[in-house]
Amino acid sequence: MSTIESIGGSSLVSAWQASSISEGCNDQSIFFSRSDNLGVNWTTPTLAQNTSLAVWGPVLHFQSKTKTLWMFFSQSTKYQNRPDPNCESYGRSYPGGELLYHLK
């Protein structure tokens, strides 16, 4: 899942969940990138949120009056990211958990 938000002028920000193997694997995280030319070029993705629990579903919201960028996302309260680097011996984690936020 991904999200994109205008933060004024020609600046955009984007956030998404990603894993090098599959959703729910031990490296599943939320990443963040910014463009200052309406999406022609983007910064190198940076880690926005990573915990030992599964995370997904980032949503961005820019509050123009306070110039605050909010990122809302879900974090499992039950399923930890899998310790197996290949995610071969585990079942899938399913969405559910708490809605959290992170300020940029």
PDB file of N, CA and C in Angstrom:
ATOM      1  N   MET A   1       0.844  -1.171   0.000  1.00  0.00           N
ATOM      2  CA  MET A   1       0.000   0.000   0.000  1.00  0.00           C
ATOM      3  C   MET A   1       0.892   1.237   0.000  1.00  0.00           C
ATOM      4  N   SER A   2       0.471   2.252  -0.725  1.00  0.00           N
ATOM      5  CA  SER A   2       1.255   3.484  -0.800  1.00  0.00           C
ATOM      6  C   SER A   2       0.331   4.688  -0.686  1.00  0.00           C
ATOM      7  N   THR A   3       0.942   5.844  -0.411  1.00  0.00           N
ATOM      8  CA  THR A   3       0.204   7.086  -0.294  1.00  0.00           C
ATOM      9  C   THR A   3       1.089   8.223  -0.796  1.00  0.00           C
ATOM     10  N   ILE A   4       0.461   9.263  -1.331  1.00  0.00           N
ATOM     11  CA  ILE A   4       1.202  10.436  -1.803  1.00  0.00           C
ATOM     12  C   ILE A   4       0.420  11.677  -1.372  1.00  0.00           C
ATOM     13  N   GLU A   5       1.152  12.739  -0.997  1.00  0.00           N
ATOM     14  CA  GLU A   5       0.498  13.946  -0.493  1.00  0.00           C
ATOM     15  C   GLU A   5       1.275  15.180  -0.955  1.00  0.00           C
ATOM     16  N   SER A   6       0.547  16.219  -1.369  1.00  0.00           N
ATOM     17  CA  SER A   6       1.153  17.501  -1.701  1.00  0.00           C
ATOM     18  C   SER A   6       1.422  18.260  -0.408  1.00  0.00           C
ATOM     19  N   ILE A   7       2.619  18.856  -0.313  1.00  0.00           N
ATOM     20  CA  ILE A   7       2.942  19.657   0.883  1.00  0.00           C
ATOM     21  C   ILE A   7       3.191  21.118   0.513  1.00  0.00           C
ATOM     22  N   GLY A   8       2.628  21.526  -0.604  1.00  0.00           N
ATOM     23  CA  GLY A   8       2.719  22.914  -1.035  1.00  0.00           C
ATOM     24  C   GLY A   8       3.698  23.103  -2.179  1.00  0.00           C
ATOM     25  N   GLY A   9       3.392  24.080  -3.022  1.00  0.00           N
ATOM     26  CA  GLY A   9       4.253  24.356  -4.172  1.00  0.00           C
ATOM     27  C   GLY A   9       4.361  23.131  -5.058  1.00  0.00           C
ATOM     28  N   SER A  10       5.564  22.804  -5.450  1.00  0.00           N
ATOM     29  CA  SER A  10       5.781  21.634  -6.307  1.00  0.00           C
ATOM     30  C   SER A  10       6.300  20.440  -5.510  1.00  0.00           C
ATOM     31  N   SER A  11       6.124  20.471  -4.186  1.00  0.00           N
ATOM     32  CA  SER A  11       6.645  19.401  -3.328  1.00  0.00           C
ATOM     33  C   SER A  11       5.595  18.330  -3.031  1.00  0.00           C
ATOM     34  N   LEU A  12       6.019  17.092  -3.178  1.00  0.00           N
ATOM     35  CA  LEU A  12       5.186  15.928  -2.874  1.00  0.00           C
ATOM     36  C   LEU A  12       5.951  15.018  -1.927  1.00  0.00           C
ATOM     37  N   VAL A  13       5.231  14.272  -1.118  1.00  0.00           N
ATOM     38  CA  VAL A  13       5.837  13.244  -0.272  1.00  0.00           C
ATOM     39  C   VAL A  13       5.074  11.942  -0.510  1.00  0.00           C
ATOM     40  N   SER A  14       5.776  10.842  -0.343  1.00  0.00           N
ATOM     41  CA  SER A  14       5.169   9.534  -0.533  1.00  0.00           C
ATOM     42  C   SER A  14       5.642   8.593   0.567  1.00  0.00           C
ATOM     43  N   ALA A  15       4.777   7.680   0.967  1.00  0.00           N
ATOM     44  CA  ALA A  15       5.129   6.646   1.941  1.00  0.00           C
ATOM     45  C   ALA A  15       4.541   5.328   1.459  1.00  0.00           C
ATOM     46  N   TRP A  16       5.234   4.222   1.752  1.00  0.00           N
ATOM     47  CA  TRP A  16       4.766   2.903   1.329  1.00  0.00           C
ATOM     48  C   TRP A  16       5.377   1.834   2.214  1.00  0.00           C
ATOM     49  N   GLN A  17       4.723   0.699   2.238  1.00  0.00           N
ATOM     50  CA  GLN A  17       5.256  -0.450   2.962  1.00  0.00           C
ATOM     51  C   GLN A  17       5.989  -1.326   1.960  1.00  0.00           C
ATOM     52  N   ALA A  18       7.073  -1.950   2.401  1.00  0.00           N
ATOM     53  CA  ALA A  18       7.844  -2.789   1.493  1.00  0.00           C
ATOM     54  C   ALA A  18       8.644  -3.820   2.276  1.00  0.00           C
ATOM     55  N   SER A  19       8.925  -4.911   1.603  1.00  0.00           N
ATOM     56  CA  SER A  19       9.771  -5.980   2.115  1.00  0.00           C
ATOM     57  C   SER A  19      10.559  -6.520   0.936  1.00  0.00           C
ATOM     58  N   SER A  20      11.761  -6.982   1.189  1.00  0.00           N
ATOM     59  CA  SER A  20      12.559  -7.528   0.086  1.00  0.00           C
ATOM     60  C   SER A  20      12.064  -8.908  -0.333  1.00  0.00           C
ATOM     61  N   ILE A  21      11.207  -9.539   0.495  1.00  0.00           N
ATOM     62  CA  ILE A  21      10.746 -10.895   0.179  1.00  0.00           C
ATOM     63  C   ILE A  21       9.234 -10.917  -0.016  1.00  0.00           C
ATOM     64  N   SER A  22       8.478 -10.694   1.042  1.00  0.00           N
ATOM     65  CA  SER A  22       7.017 -10.643   0.945  1.00  0.00           C
ATOM     66  C   SER A  22       6.463  -9.937   2.170  1.00  0.00           C
ATOM     67  N   GLU A  23       5.216  -9.531   2.056  1.00  0.00           N
ATOM     68  CA  GLU A  23       4.569  -8.827   3.155  1.00  0.00           C
ATOM     69  C   GLU A  23       4.619  -9.655   4.433  1.00  0.00           C
ATOM     70  N   GLY A  24       4.962  -8.997   5.543  1.00  0.00           N
ATOM     71  CA  GLY A  24       5.018  -9.650   6.835  1.00  0.00           C
ATOM     72  C   GLY A  24       6.368 -10.232   7.180  1.00  0.00           C
ATOM     73  N   CYS A  25       7.322 -10.193   6.249  1.00  0.00           N
ATOM     74  CA  CYS A  25       8.648 -10.737   6.538  1.00  0.00           C
ATOM     75  C   CYS A  25       9.405  -9.835   7.505  1.00  0.00           C
ATOM     76  N   ASN A  26      10.515 -10.351   7.995  1.00  0.00           N
ATOM     77  CA  ASN A  26      11.226  -9.651   9.059  1.00  0.00           C
ATOM     78  C   ASN A  26      11.772  -8.292   8.652  1.00  0.00           C
ATOM     79  N   ASP A  27      11.805  -7.985   7.373  1.00  0.00           N
ATOM     80  CA  ASP A  27      12.306  -6.669   6.966  1.00  0.00           C
ATOM     81  C   ASP A  27      11.186  -5.747   6.470  1.00  0.00           C
ATOM     82  N   GLN A  28       9.921  -6.108   6.706  1.00  0.00           N
ATOM     83  CA  GLN A  28       8.815  -5.245   6.286  1.00  0.00           C
ATOM     84  C   GLN A  28       8.858  -3.955   7.082  1.00  0.00           C
ATOM     85  N   SER A  29       8.855  -2.839   6.392  1.00  0.00           N
ATOM     86  CA  SER A  29       8.956  -1.518   7.012  1.00  0.00           C
ATOM     87  C   SER A  29       8.141  -0.526   6.206  1.00  0.00           C
ATOM     88  N   ILE A  30       8.039   0.691   6.714  1.00  0.00           N
ATOM     89  CA  ILE A  30       7.424   1.786   5.975  1.00  0.00           C
ATOM     90  C   ILE A  30       8.531   2.744   5.568  1.00  0.00           C
ATOM     91  N   PHE A  31       8.541   3.109   4.289  1.00  0.00           N
ATOM     92  CA  PHE A  31       9.552   3.994   3.723  1.00  0.00           C
ATOM     93  C   PHE A  31       8.921   5.314   3.297  1.00  0.00           C
ATOM     94  N   PHE A  32       9.771   6.331   3.130  1.00  0.00           N
ATOM     95  CA  PHE A  32       9.334   7.696   2.869  1.00  0.00           C
ATOM     96  C   PHE A  32      10.259   8.316   1.828  1.00  0.00           C
ATOM     97  N   SER A  33       9.697   9.110   0.902  1.00  0.00           N
ATOM     98  CA  SER A  33      10.499   9.827  -0.086  1.00  0.00           C
ATOM     99  C   SER A  33       9.823  11.159  -0.404  1.00  0.00           C
ATOM    100  N   ARG A  34      10.622  12.112  -0.919  1.00  0.00           N
ATOM    101  CA  ARG A  34      10.121  13.460  -1.212  1.00  0.00           C
ATOM    102  C   ARG A  34      10.556  13.878  -2.613  1.00  0.00           C
ATOM    103  N   SER A  35       9.679  14.621  -3.275  1.00  0.00           N
ATOM    104  CA  SER A  35       9.993  15.217  -4.573  1.00  0.00           C
ATOM    105  C   SER A  35       9.716  16.707  -4.480  1.00  0.00           C
ATOM    106  N   ASP A  36      10.625  17.516  -5.022  1.00  0.00           N
ATOM    107  CA  ASP A  36      10.412  18.963  -5.045  1.00  0.00           C
ATOM    108  C   ASP A  36      10.157  19.471  -6.458  1.00  0.00           C
ATOM    109  N   ASN A  37       9.862  18.538  -7.387  1.00  0.00           N
ATOM    110  CA  ASN A  37       9.558  18.948  -8.762  1.00  0.00           C
ATOM    111  C   ASN A  37       8.379  18.147  -9.327  1.00  0.00           C
ATOM    112  N   LEU A  38       7.317  18.063  -8.526  1.00  0.00           N
ATOM    113  CA  LEU A  38       6.059  17.402  -8.911  1.00  0.00           C
ATOM    114  C   LEU A  38       6.243  15.948  -9.333  1.00  0.00           C
ATOM    115  N   GLY A  39       7.173  15.256  -8.721  1.00  0.00           N
ATOM    116  CA  GLY A  39       7.325  13.827  -8.955  1.00  0.00           C
ATOM    117  C   GLY A  39       8.282  13.423 -10.052  1.00  0.00           C
ATOM    118  N   VAL A  40       8.968  14.400 -10.667  1.00  0.00           N
ATOM    119  CA  VAL A  40       9.936  14.048 -11.703  1.00  0.00           C
ATOM    120  C   VAL A  40      11.114  13.297 -11.097  1.00  0.00           C
ATOM    121  N   ASN A  41      11.628  13.797  -9.994  1.00  0.00           N
ATOM    122  CA  ASN A  41      12.725  13.150  -9.271  1.00  0.00           C
ATOM    123  C   ASN A  41      12.314  12.979  -7.811  1.00  0.00           C
ATOM    124  N   TRP A  42      12.826  11.904  -7.181  1.00  0.00           N
ATOM    125  CA  TRP A  42      12.511  11.602  -5.785  1.00  0.00           C
ATOM    126  C   TRP A  42      13.795  11.389  -5.002  1.00  0.00           C
ATOM    127  N   THR A  43      13.754  11.721  -3.709  1.00  0.00           N
ATOM    128  CA  THR A  43      14.896  11.455  -2.843  1.00  0.00           C
ATOM    129  C   THR A  43      15.039   9.950  -2.644  1.00  0.00           C
ATOM    130  N   THR A  44      16.216   9.535  -2.226  1.00  0.00           N
ATOM    131  CA  THR A  44      16.442   8.134  -1.878  1.00  0.00           C
ATOM    132  C   THR A  44      15.486   7.774  -0.750  1.00  0.00           C
ATOM    133  N   PRO A  45      14.769   6.663  -0.865  1.00  0.00           N
ATOM    134  CA  PRO A  45      13.840   6.287   0.206  1.00  0.00           C
ATOM    135  C   PRO A  45      14.542   6.156   1.551  1.00  0.00           C
ATOM    136  N   THR A  46      13.883   6.666   2.587  1.00  0.00           N
ATOM    137  CA  THR A  46      14.398   6.548   3.945  1.00  0.00           C
ATOM    138  C   THR A  46      13.402   5.753   4.777  1.00  0.00           C
ATOM    139  N   LEU A  47      13.902   5.115   5.800  1.00  0.00           N
ATOM    140  CA  LEU A  47      13.073   4.332   6.700  1.00  0.00           C
ATOM    141  C   LEU A  47      12.224   5.272   7.547  1.00  0.00           C
ATOM    142  N   ALA A  48      10.914   5.154   7.441  1.00  0.00           N
ATOM    143  CA  ALA A  48      10.014   6.012   8.218  1.00  0.00           C
ATOM    144  C   ALA A  48       9.565   5.320   9.492  1.00  0.00           C
ATOM    145  N   GLN A  49       9.360   4.016   9.433  1.00  0.00           N
ATOM    146  CA  GLN A  49       8.886   3.284  10.598  1.00  0.00           C
ATOM    147  C   GLN A  49       9.302   1.831  10.477  1.00  0.00           C
ATOM    148  N   ASN A  50       9.926   1.317  11.517  1.00  0.00           N
ATOM    149  CA  ASN A  50      10.311  -0.086  11.542  1.00  0.00           C
ATOM    150  C   ASN A  50      10.314  -0.538  12.996  1.00  0.00           C
ATOM    151  N   THR A  51       9.604  -1.602  13.270  1.00  0.00           N
ATOM    152  CA  THR A  51       9.553  -2.151  14.616  1.00  0.00           C
ATOM    153  C   THR A  51       9.658  -3.657  14.494  1.00  0.00           C
ATOM    154  N   SER A  52       9.616  -4.350  15.602  1.00  0.00           N
ATOM    155  CA  SER A  52       9.622  -5.810  15.553  1.00  0.00           C
ATOM    156  C   SER A  52       8.226  -6.347  15.272  1.00  0.00           C
ATOM    157  N   LEU A  53       7.237  -5.465  15.173  1.00  0.00           N
ATOM    158  CA  LEU A  53       5.876  -5.875  14.844  1.00  0.00           C
ATOM    159  C   LEU A  53       5.560  -5.506  13.402  1.00  0.00           C
ATOM    160  N   ALA A  54       4.678  -6.267  12.780  1.00  0.00           N
ATOM    161  CA  ALA A  54       4.296  -5.993  11.398  1.00  0.00           C
ATOM    162  C   ALA A  54       3.638  -4.614  11.291  1.00  0.00           C
ATOM    163  N   VAL A  55       3.996  -3.848  10.256  1.00  0.00           N
ATOM    164  CA  VAL A  55       3.418  -2.528   9.993  1.00  0.00           C
ATOM    165  C   VAL A  55       2.943  -2.475   8.551  1.00  0.00           C
ATOM    166  N   TRP A  56       1.882  -1.714   8.287  1.00  0.00           N
ATOM    167  CA  TRP A  56       1.367  -1.595   6.935  1.00  0.00           C
ATOM    168  C   TRP A  56       0.384  -0.440   6.855  1.00  0.00           C
ATOM    169  N   GLY A  57      -0.045  -0.144   5.632  1.00  0.00           N
ATOM    170  CA  GLY A  57      -1.112   0.815   5.379  1.00  0.00           C
ATOM    171  C   GLY A  57      -0.815   2.257   5.693  1.00  0.00           C
ATOM    172  N   PRO A  58       0.344   2.812   5.311  1.00  0.00           N
ATOM    173  CA  PRO A  58       0.598   4.219   5.627  1.00  0.00           C
ATOM    174  C   PRO A  58      -0.355   5.156   4.871  1.00  0.00           C
ATOM    175  N   VAL A  59      -0.779   6.199   5.551  1.00  0.00           N
ATOM    176  CA  VAL A  59      -1.601   7.257   4.955  1.00  0.00           C
ATOM    177  C   VAL A  59      -0.996   8.587   5.392  1.00  0.00           C
ATOM    178  N   LEU A  60      -0.736   9.483   4.439  1.00  0.00           N
ATOM    179  CA  LEU A  60      -0.165  10.788   4.744  1.00  0.00           C
ATOM    180  C   LEU A  60      -1.250  11.863   4.715  1.00  0.00           C
ATOM    181  N   HIS A  61      -1.118  12.850   5.595  1.00  0.00           N
ATOM    182  CA  HIS A  61      -2.006  14.015   5.605  1.00  0.00           C
ATOM    183  C   HIS A  61      -1.172  15.236   5.986  1.00  0.00           C
ATOM    184  N   PHE A  62      -1.205  16.283   5.140  1.00  0.00           N
ATOM    185  CA  PHE A  62      -0.474  17.517   5.412  1.00  0.00           C
ATOM    186  C   PHE A  62      -1.443  18.574   5.917  1.00  0.00           C
ATOM    187  N   GLN A  63      -1.159  19.121   7.086  1.00  0.00           N
ATOM    188  CA  GLN A  63      -1.951  20.181   7.689  1.00  0.00           C
ATOM    189  C   GLN A  63      -1.275  21.505   7.336  1.00  0.00           C
ATOM    190  N   SER A  64      -1.809  22.201   6.335  1.00  0.00           N
ATOM    191  CA  SER A  64      -1.125  23.378   5.792  1.00  0.00           C
ATOM    192  C   SER A  64      -1.012  24.536   6.799  1.00  0.00           C
ATOM    193  N   LYS A  65      -1.996  24.726   7.660  1.00  0.00           N
ATOM    194  CA  LYS A  65      -1.932  25.844   8.619  1.00  0.00           C
ATOM    195  C   LYS A  65      -0.762  25.698   9.581  1.00  0.00           C
ATOM    196  N   THR A  66      -0.486  24.488  10.018  1.00  0.00           N
ATOM    197  CA  THR A  66       0.601  24.261  10.972  1.00  0.00           C
ATOM    198  C   THR A  66       1.845  23.684  10.295  1.00  0.00           C
ATOM    199  N   LYS A  67       1.744  23.414   8.989  1.00  0.00           N
ATOM    200  CA  LYS A  67       2.833  22.804   8.219  1.00  0.00           C
ATOM    201  C   LYS A  67       3.310  21.501   8.867  1.00  0.00           C
ATOM    202  N   THR A  68       2.331  20.711   9.320  1.00  0.00           N
ATOM    203  CA  THR A  68       2.609  19.427   9.955  1.00  0.00           C
ATOM    204  C   THR A  68       2.219  18.301   9.010  1.00  0.00           C
ATOM    205  N   LEU A  69       3.134  17.380   8.805  1.00  0.00           N
ATOM    206  CA  LEU A  69       2.849  16.198   8.001  1.00  0.00           C
ATOM    207  C   LEU A  69       2.590  15.034   8.946  1.00  0.00           C
ATOM    208  N   TRP A  70       1.421  14.434   8.829  1.00  0.00           N
ATOM    209  CA  TRP A  70       1.037  13.289   9.640  1.00  0.00           C
ATOM    210  C   TRP A  70       1.158  12.022   8.805  1.00  0.00           C
ATOM    211  N   MET A  71       1.642  10.960   9.413  1.00  0.00           N
ATOM    212  CA  MET A  71       1.613   9.645   8.779  1.00  0.00           C
ATOM    213  C   MET A  71       0.877   8.703   9.727  1.00  0.00           C
ATOM    214  N   PHE A  72      -0.241   8.184   9.272  1.00  0.00           N
ATOM    215  CA  PHE A  72      -1.005   7.204  10.022  1.00  0.00           C
ATOM    216  C   PHE A  72      -0.680   5.828   9.442  1.00  0.00           C
ATOM    217  N   PHE A  73      -0.628   4.814  10.290  1.00  0.00           N
ATOM    218  CA  PHE A  73      -0.344   3.462   9.804  1.00  0.00           C
ATOM    219  C   PHE A  73      -0.858   2.451  10.815  1.00  0.00           C
ATOM    220  N   SER A  74      -0.974   1.219  10.386  1.00  0.00           N
ATOM    221  CA  SER A  74      -1.381   0.135  11.276  1.00  0.00           C
ATOM    222  C   SER A  74      -0.151  -0.618  11.738  1.00  0.00           C
ATOM    223  N   GLN A  75      -0.185  -1.023  12.990  1.00  0.00           N
ATOM    224  CA  GLN A  75       0.881  -1.855  13.547  1.00  0.00           C
ATOM    225  C   GLN A  75       0.226  -2.998  14.298  1.00  0.00           C
ATOM    226  N   SER A  76       0.640  -4.189  13.986  1.00  0.00           N
ATOM    227  CA  SER A  76       0.068  -5.355  14.644  1.00  0.00           C
ATOM    228  C   SER A  76       0.358  -5.331  16.138  1.00  0.00           C
ATOM    229  N   THR A  77      -0.611  -5.751  16.917  1.00  0.00           N
ATOM    230  CA  THR A  77      -0.385  -5.932  18.346  1.00  0.00           C
ATOM    231  C   THR A  77      -0.162  -7.409  18.654  1.00  0.00           C
ATOM    232  N   LYS A  78      -0.258  -8.238  17.608  1.00  0.00           N
ATOM    233  CA  LYS A  78      -0.185  -9.682  17.803  1.00  0.00           C
ATOM    234  C   LYS A  78       0.958 -10.333  17.032  1.00  0.00           C
ATOM    235  N   TYR A  79       1.139  -9.936  15.789  1.00  0.00           N
ATOM    236  CA  TYR A  79       2.085 -10.625  14.912  1.00  0.00           C
ATOM    237  C   TYR A  79       3.421  -9.905  14.849  1.00  0.00           C
ATOM    238  N   GLN A  80       4.454 -10.555  15.291  1.00  0.00           N
ATOM    239  CA  GLN A  80       5.792  -9.998  15.124  1.00  0.00           C
ATOM    240  C   GLN A  80       6.306 -10.348  13.741  1.00  0.00           C
ATOM    241  N   ASN A  81       7.199  -9.503  13.231  1.00  0.00           N
ATOM    242  CA  ASN A  81       7.856  -9.853  11.980  1.00  0.00           C
ATOM    243  C   ASN A  81       8.606 -11.156  12.184  1.00  0.00           C
ATOM    244  N   ARG A  82       8.679 -11.938  11.174  1.00  0.00           N
ATOM    245  CA  ARG A  82       9.239 -13.276  11.280  1.00  0.00           C
ATOM    246  C   ARG A  82      10.753 -13.257  11.397  1.00  0.00           C
ATOM    247  N   PRO A  83      11.334 -14.081  12.258  1.00  0.00           N
ATOM    248  CA  PRO A  83      12.783 -14.123  12.387  1.00  0.00           C
ATOM    249  C   PRO A  83      13.470 -14.867  11.248  1.00  0.00           C
ATOM    250  N   ASP A  84      12.750 -15.689  10.520  1.00  0.00           N
ATOM    251  CA  ASP A  84      13.320 -16.447   9.400  1.00  0.00           C
ATOM    252  C   ASP A  84      13.570 -15.481   8.241  1.00  0.00           C
ATOM    253  N   PRO A  85      14.820 -15.262   7.825  1.00  0.00           N
ATOM    254  CA  PRO A  85      15.090 -14.284   6.768  1.00  0.00           C
ATOM    255  C   PRO A  85      14.453 -14.646   5.435  1.00  0.00           C
ATOM    256  N   ASN A  86      14.090 -15.902   5.235  1.00  0.00           N
ATOM    257  CA  ASN A  86      13.444 -16.314   3.987  1.00  0.00           C
ATOM    258  C   ASN A  86      11.936 -16.444   4.123  1.00  0.00           C
ATOM    259  N   CYS A  87      11.427 -16.294   5.326  1.00  0.00           N
ATOM    260  CA  CYS A  87       9.989 -16.375   5.593  1.00  0.00           C
ATOM    261  C   CYS A  87       9.376 -17.671   5.075  1.00  0.00           C
ATOM    262  N   GLU A  88      10.141 -18.754   5.110  1.00  0.00           N
ATOM    263  CA  GLU A  88       9.646 -19.999   4.538  1.00  0.00           C
ATOM    264  C   GLU A  88       8.888 -20.858   5.533  1.00  0.00           C
ATOM    265  N   SER A  89       9.188 -20.762   6.801  1.00  0.00           N
ATOM    266  CA  SER A  89       8.586 -21.688   7.757  1.00  0.00           C
ATOM    267  C   SER A  89       7.463 -21.063   8.576  1.00  0.00           C
ATOM    268  N   TYR A  90       6.900 -19.963   8.101  1.00  0.00           N
ATOM    269  CA  TYR A  90       5.866 -19.263   8.850  1.00  0.00           C
ATOM    270  C   TYR A  90       4.661 -19.004   7.969  1.00  0.00           C
ATOM    271  N   GLY A  91       3.488 -18.954   8.588  1.00  0.00           N
ATOM    272  CA  GLY A  91       2.288 -18.556   7.864  1.00  0.00           C
ATOM    273  C   GLY A  91       2.278 -17.045   7.680  1.00  0.00           C
ATOM    274  N   ARG A  92       1.260 -16.555   7.017  1.00  0.00           N
ATOM    275  CA  ARG A  92       1.177 -15.119   6.772  1.00  0.00           C
ATOM    276  C   ARG A  92       0.554 -14.392   7.953  1.00  0.00           C
ATOM    277  N   SER A  93       0.984 -13.147   8.164  1.00  0.00           N
ATOM    278  CA  SER A  93       0.341 -12.273   9.138  1.00  0.00           C
ATOM    279  C   SER A  93      -0.807 -11.573   8.429  1.00  0.00           C
ATOM    280  N   TYR A  94      -1.904 -11.392   9.115  1.00  0.00           N
ATOM    281  CA  TYR A  94      -3.054 -10.745   8.505  1.00  0.00           C
ATOM    282  C   TYR A  94      -3.299  -9.397   9.159  1.00  0.00           C
ATOM    283  N   PRO A  95      -3.818  -8.416   8.391  1.00  0.00           N
ATOM    284  CA  PRO A  95      -4.040  -7.085   8.926  1.00  0.00           C
ATOM    285  C   PRO A  95      -4.886  -7.121  10.190  1.00  0.00           C
ATOM    286  N   GLY A  96      -4.656  -6.147  11.008  1.00  0.00           N
ATOM    287  CA  GLY A  96      -5.349  -5.988  12.271  1.00  0.00           C
ATOM    288  C   GLY A  96      -4.400  -5.309  13.223  1.00  0.00           C
ATOM    289  N   GLY A  97      -4.885  -4.730  14.247  1.00  0.00           N
ATOM    290  CA  GLY A  97      -3.995  -4.081  15.205  1.00  0.00           C
ATOM    291  C   GLY A  97      -4.428  -2.675  15.483  1.00  0.00           C
ATOM    292  N   GLU A  98      -3.473  -1.860  15.840  1.00  0.00           N
ATOM    293  CA  GLU A  98      -3.759  -0.497  16.267  1.00  0.00           C
ATOM    294  C   GLU A  98      -3.377   0.502  15.199  1.00  0.00           C
ATOM    295  N   LEU A  99      -4.127   1.605  15.125  1.00  0.00           N
ATOM    296  CA  LEU A  99      -3.807   2.704  14.244  1.00  0.00           C
ATOM    297  C   LEU A  99      -2.863   3.624  14.988  1.00  0.00           C
ATOM    298  N   LEU A 100      -1.718   3.895  14.402  1.00  0.00           N
ATOM    299  CA  LEU A 100      -0.707   4.744  15.026  1.00  0.00           C
ATOM    300  C   LEU A 100      -0.423   5.944  14.136  1.00  0.00           C
ATOM    301  N   TYR A 101       0.305   6.914  14.656  1.00  0.00           N
ATOM    302  CA  TYR A 101       0.698   8.062  13.846  1.00  0.00           C
ATOM    303  C   TYR A 101       2.143   8.420  14.154  1.00  0.00           C
ATOM    304  N   HIS A 102       2.732   9.100  13.216  1.00  0.00           N
ATOM    305  CA  HIS A 102       4.110   9.539  13.305  1.00  0.00           C
ATOM    306  C   HIS A 102       4.177  10.922  12.692  1.00  0.00           C
ATOM    307  N   LEU A 103       4.775  11.877  13.375  1.00  0.00           N
ATOM    308  CA  LEU A 103       4.892  13.239  12.855  1.00  0.00           C
ATOM    309  C   LEU A 103       6.234  13.426  12.171  1.00  0.00           C
ATOM    310  N   LYS A 104       6.232  14.139  11.077  1.00  0.00           N
ATOM    311  CA  LYS A 104       7.470  14.503  10.377  1.00  0.00           C
ATOM    312  C   LYS A 104       7.673  15.995  10.509  1.00  0.00           C
TER     313      LYS A 104
END
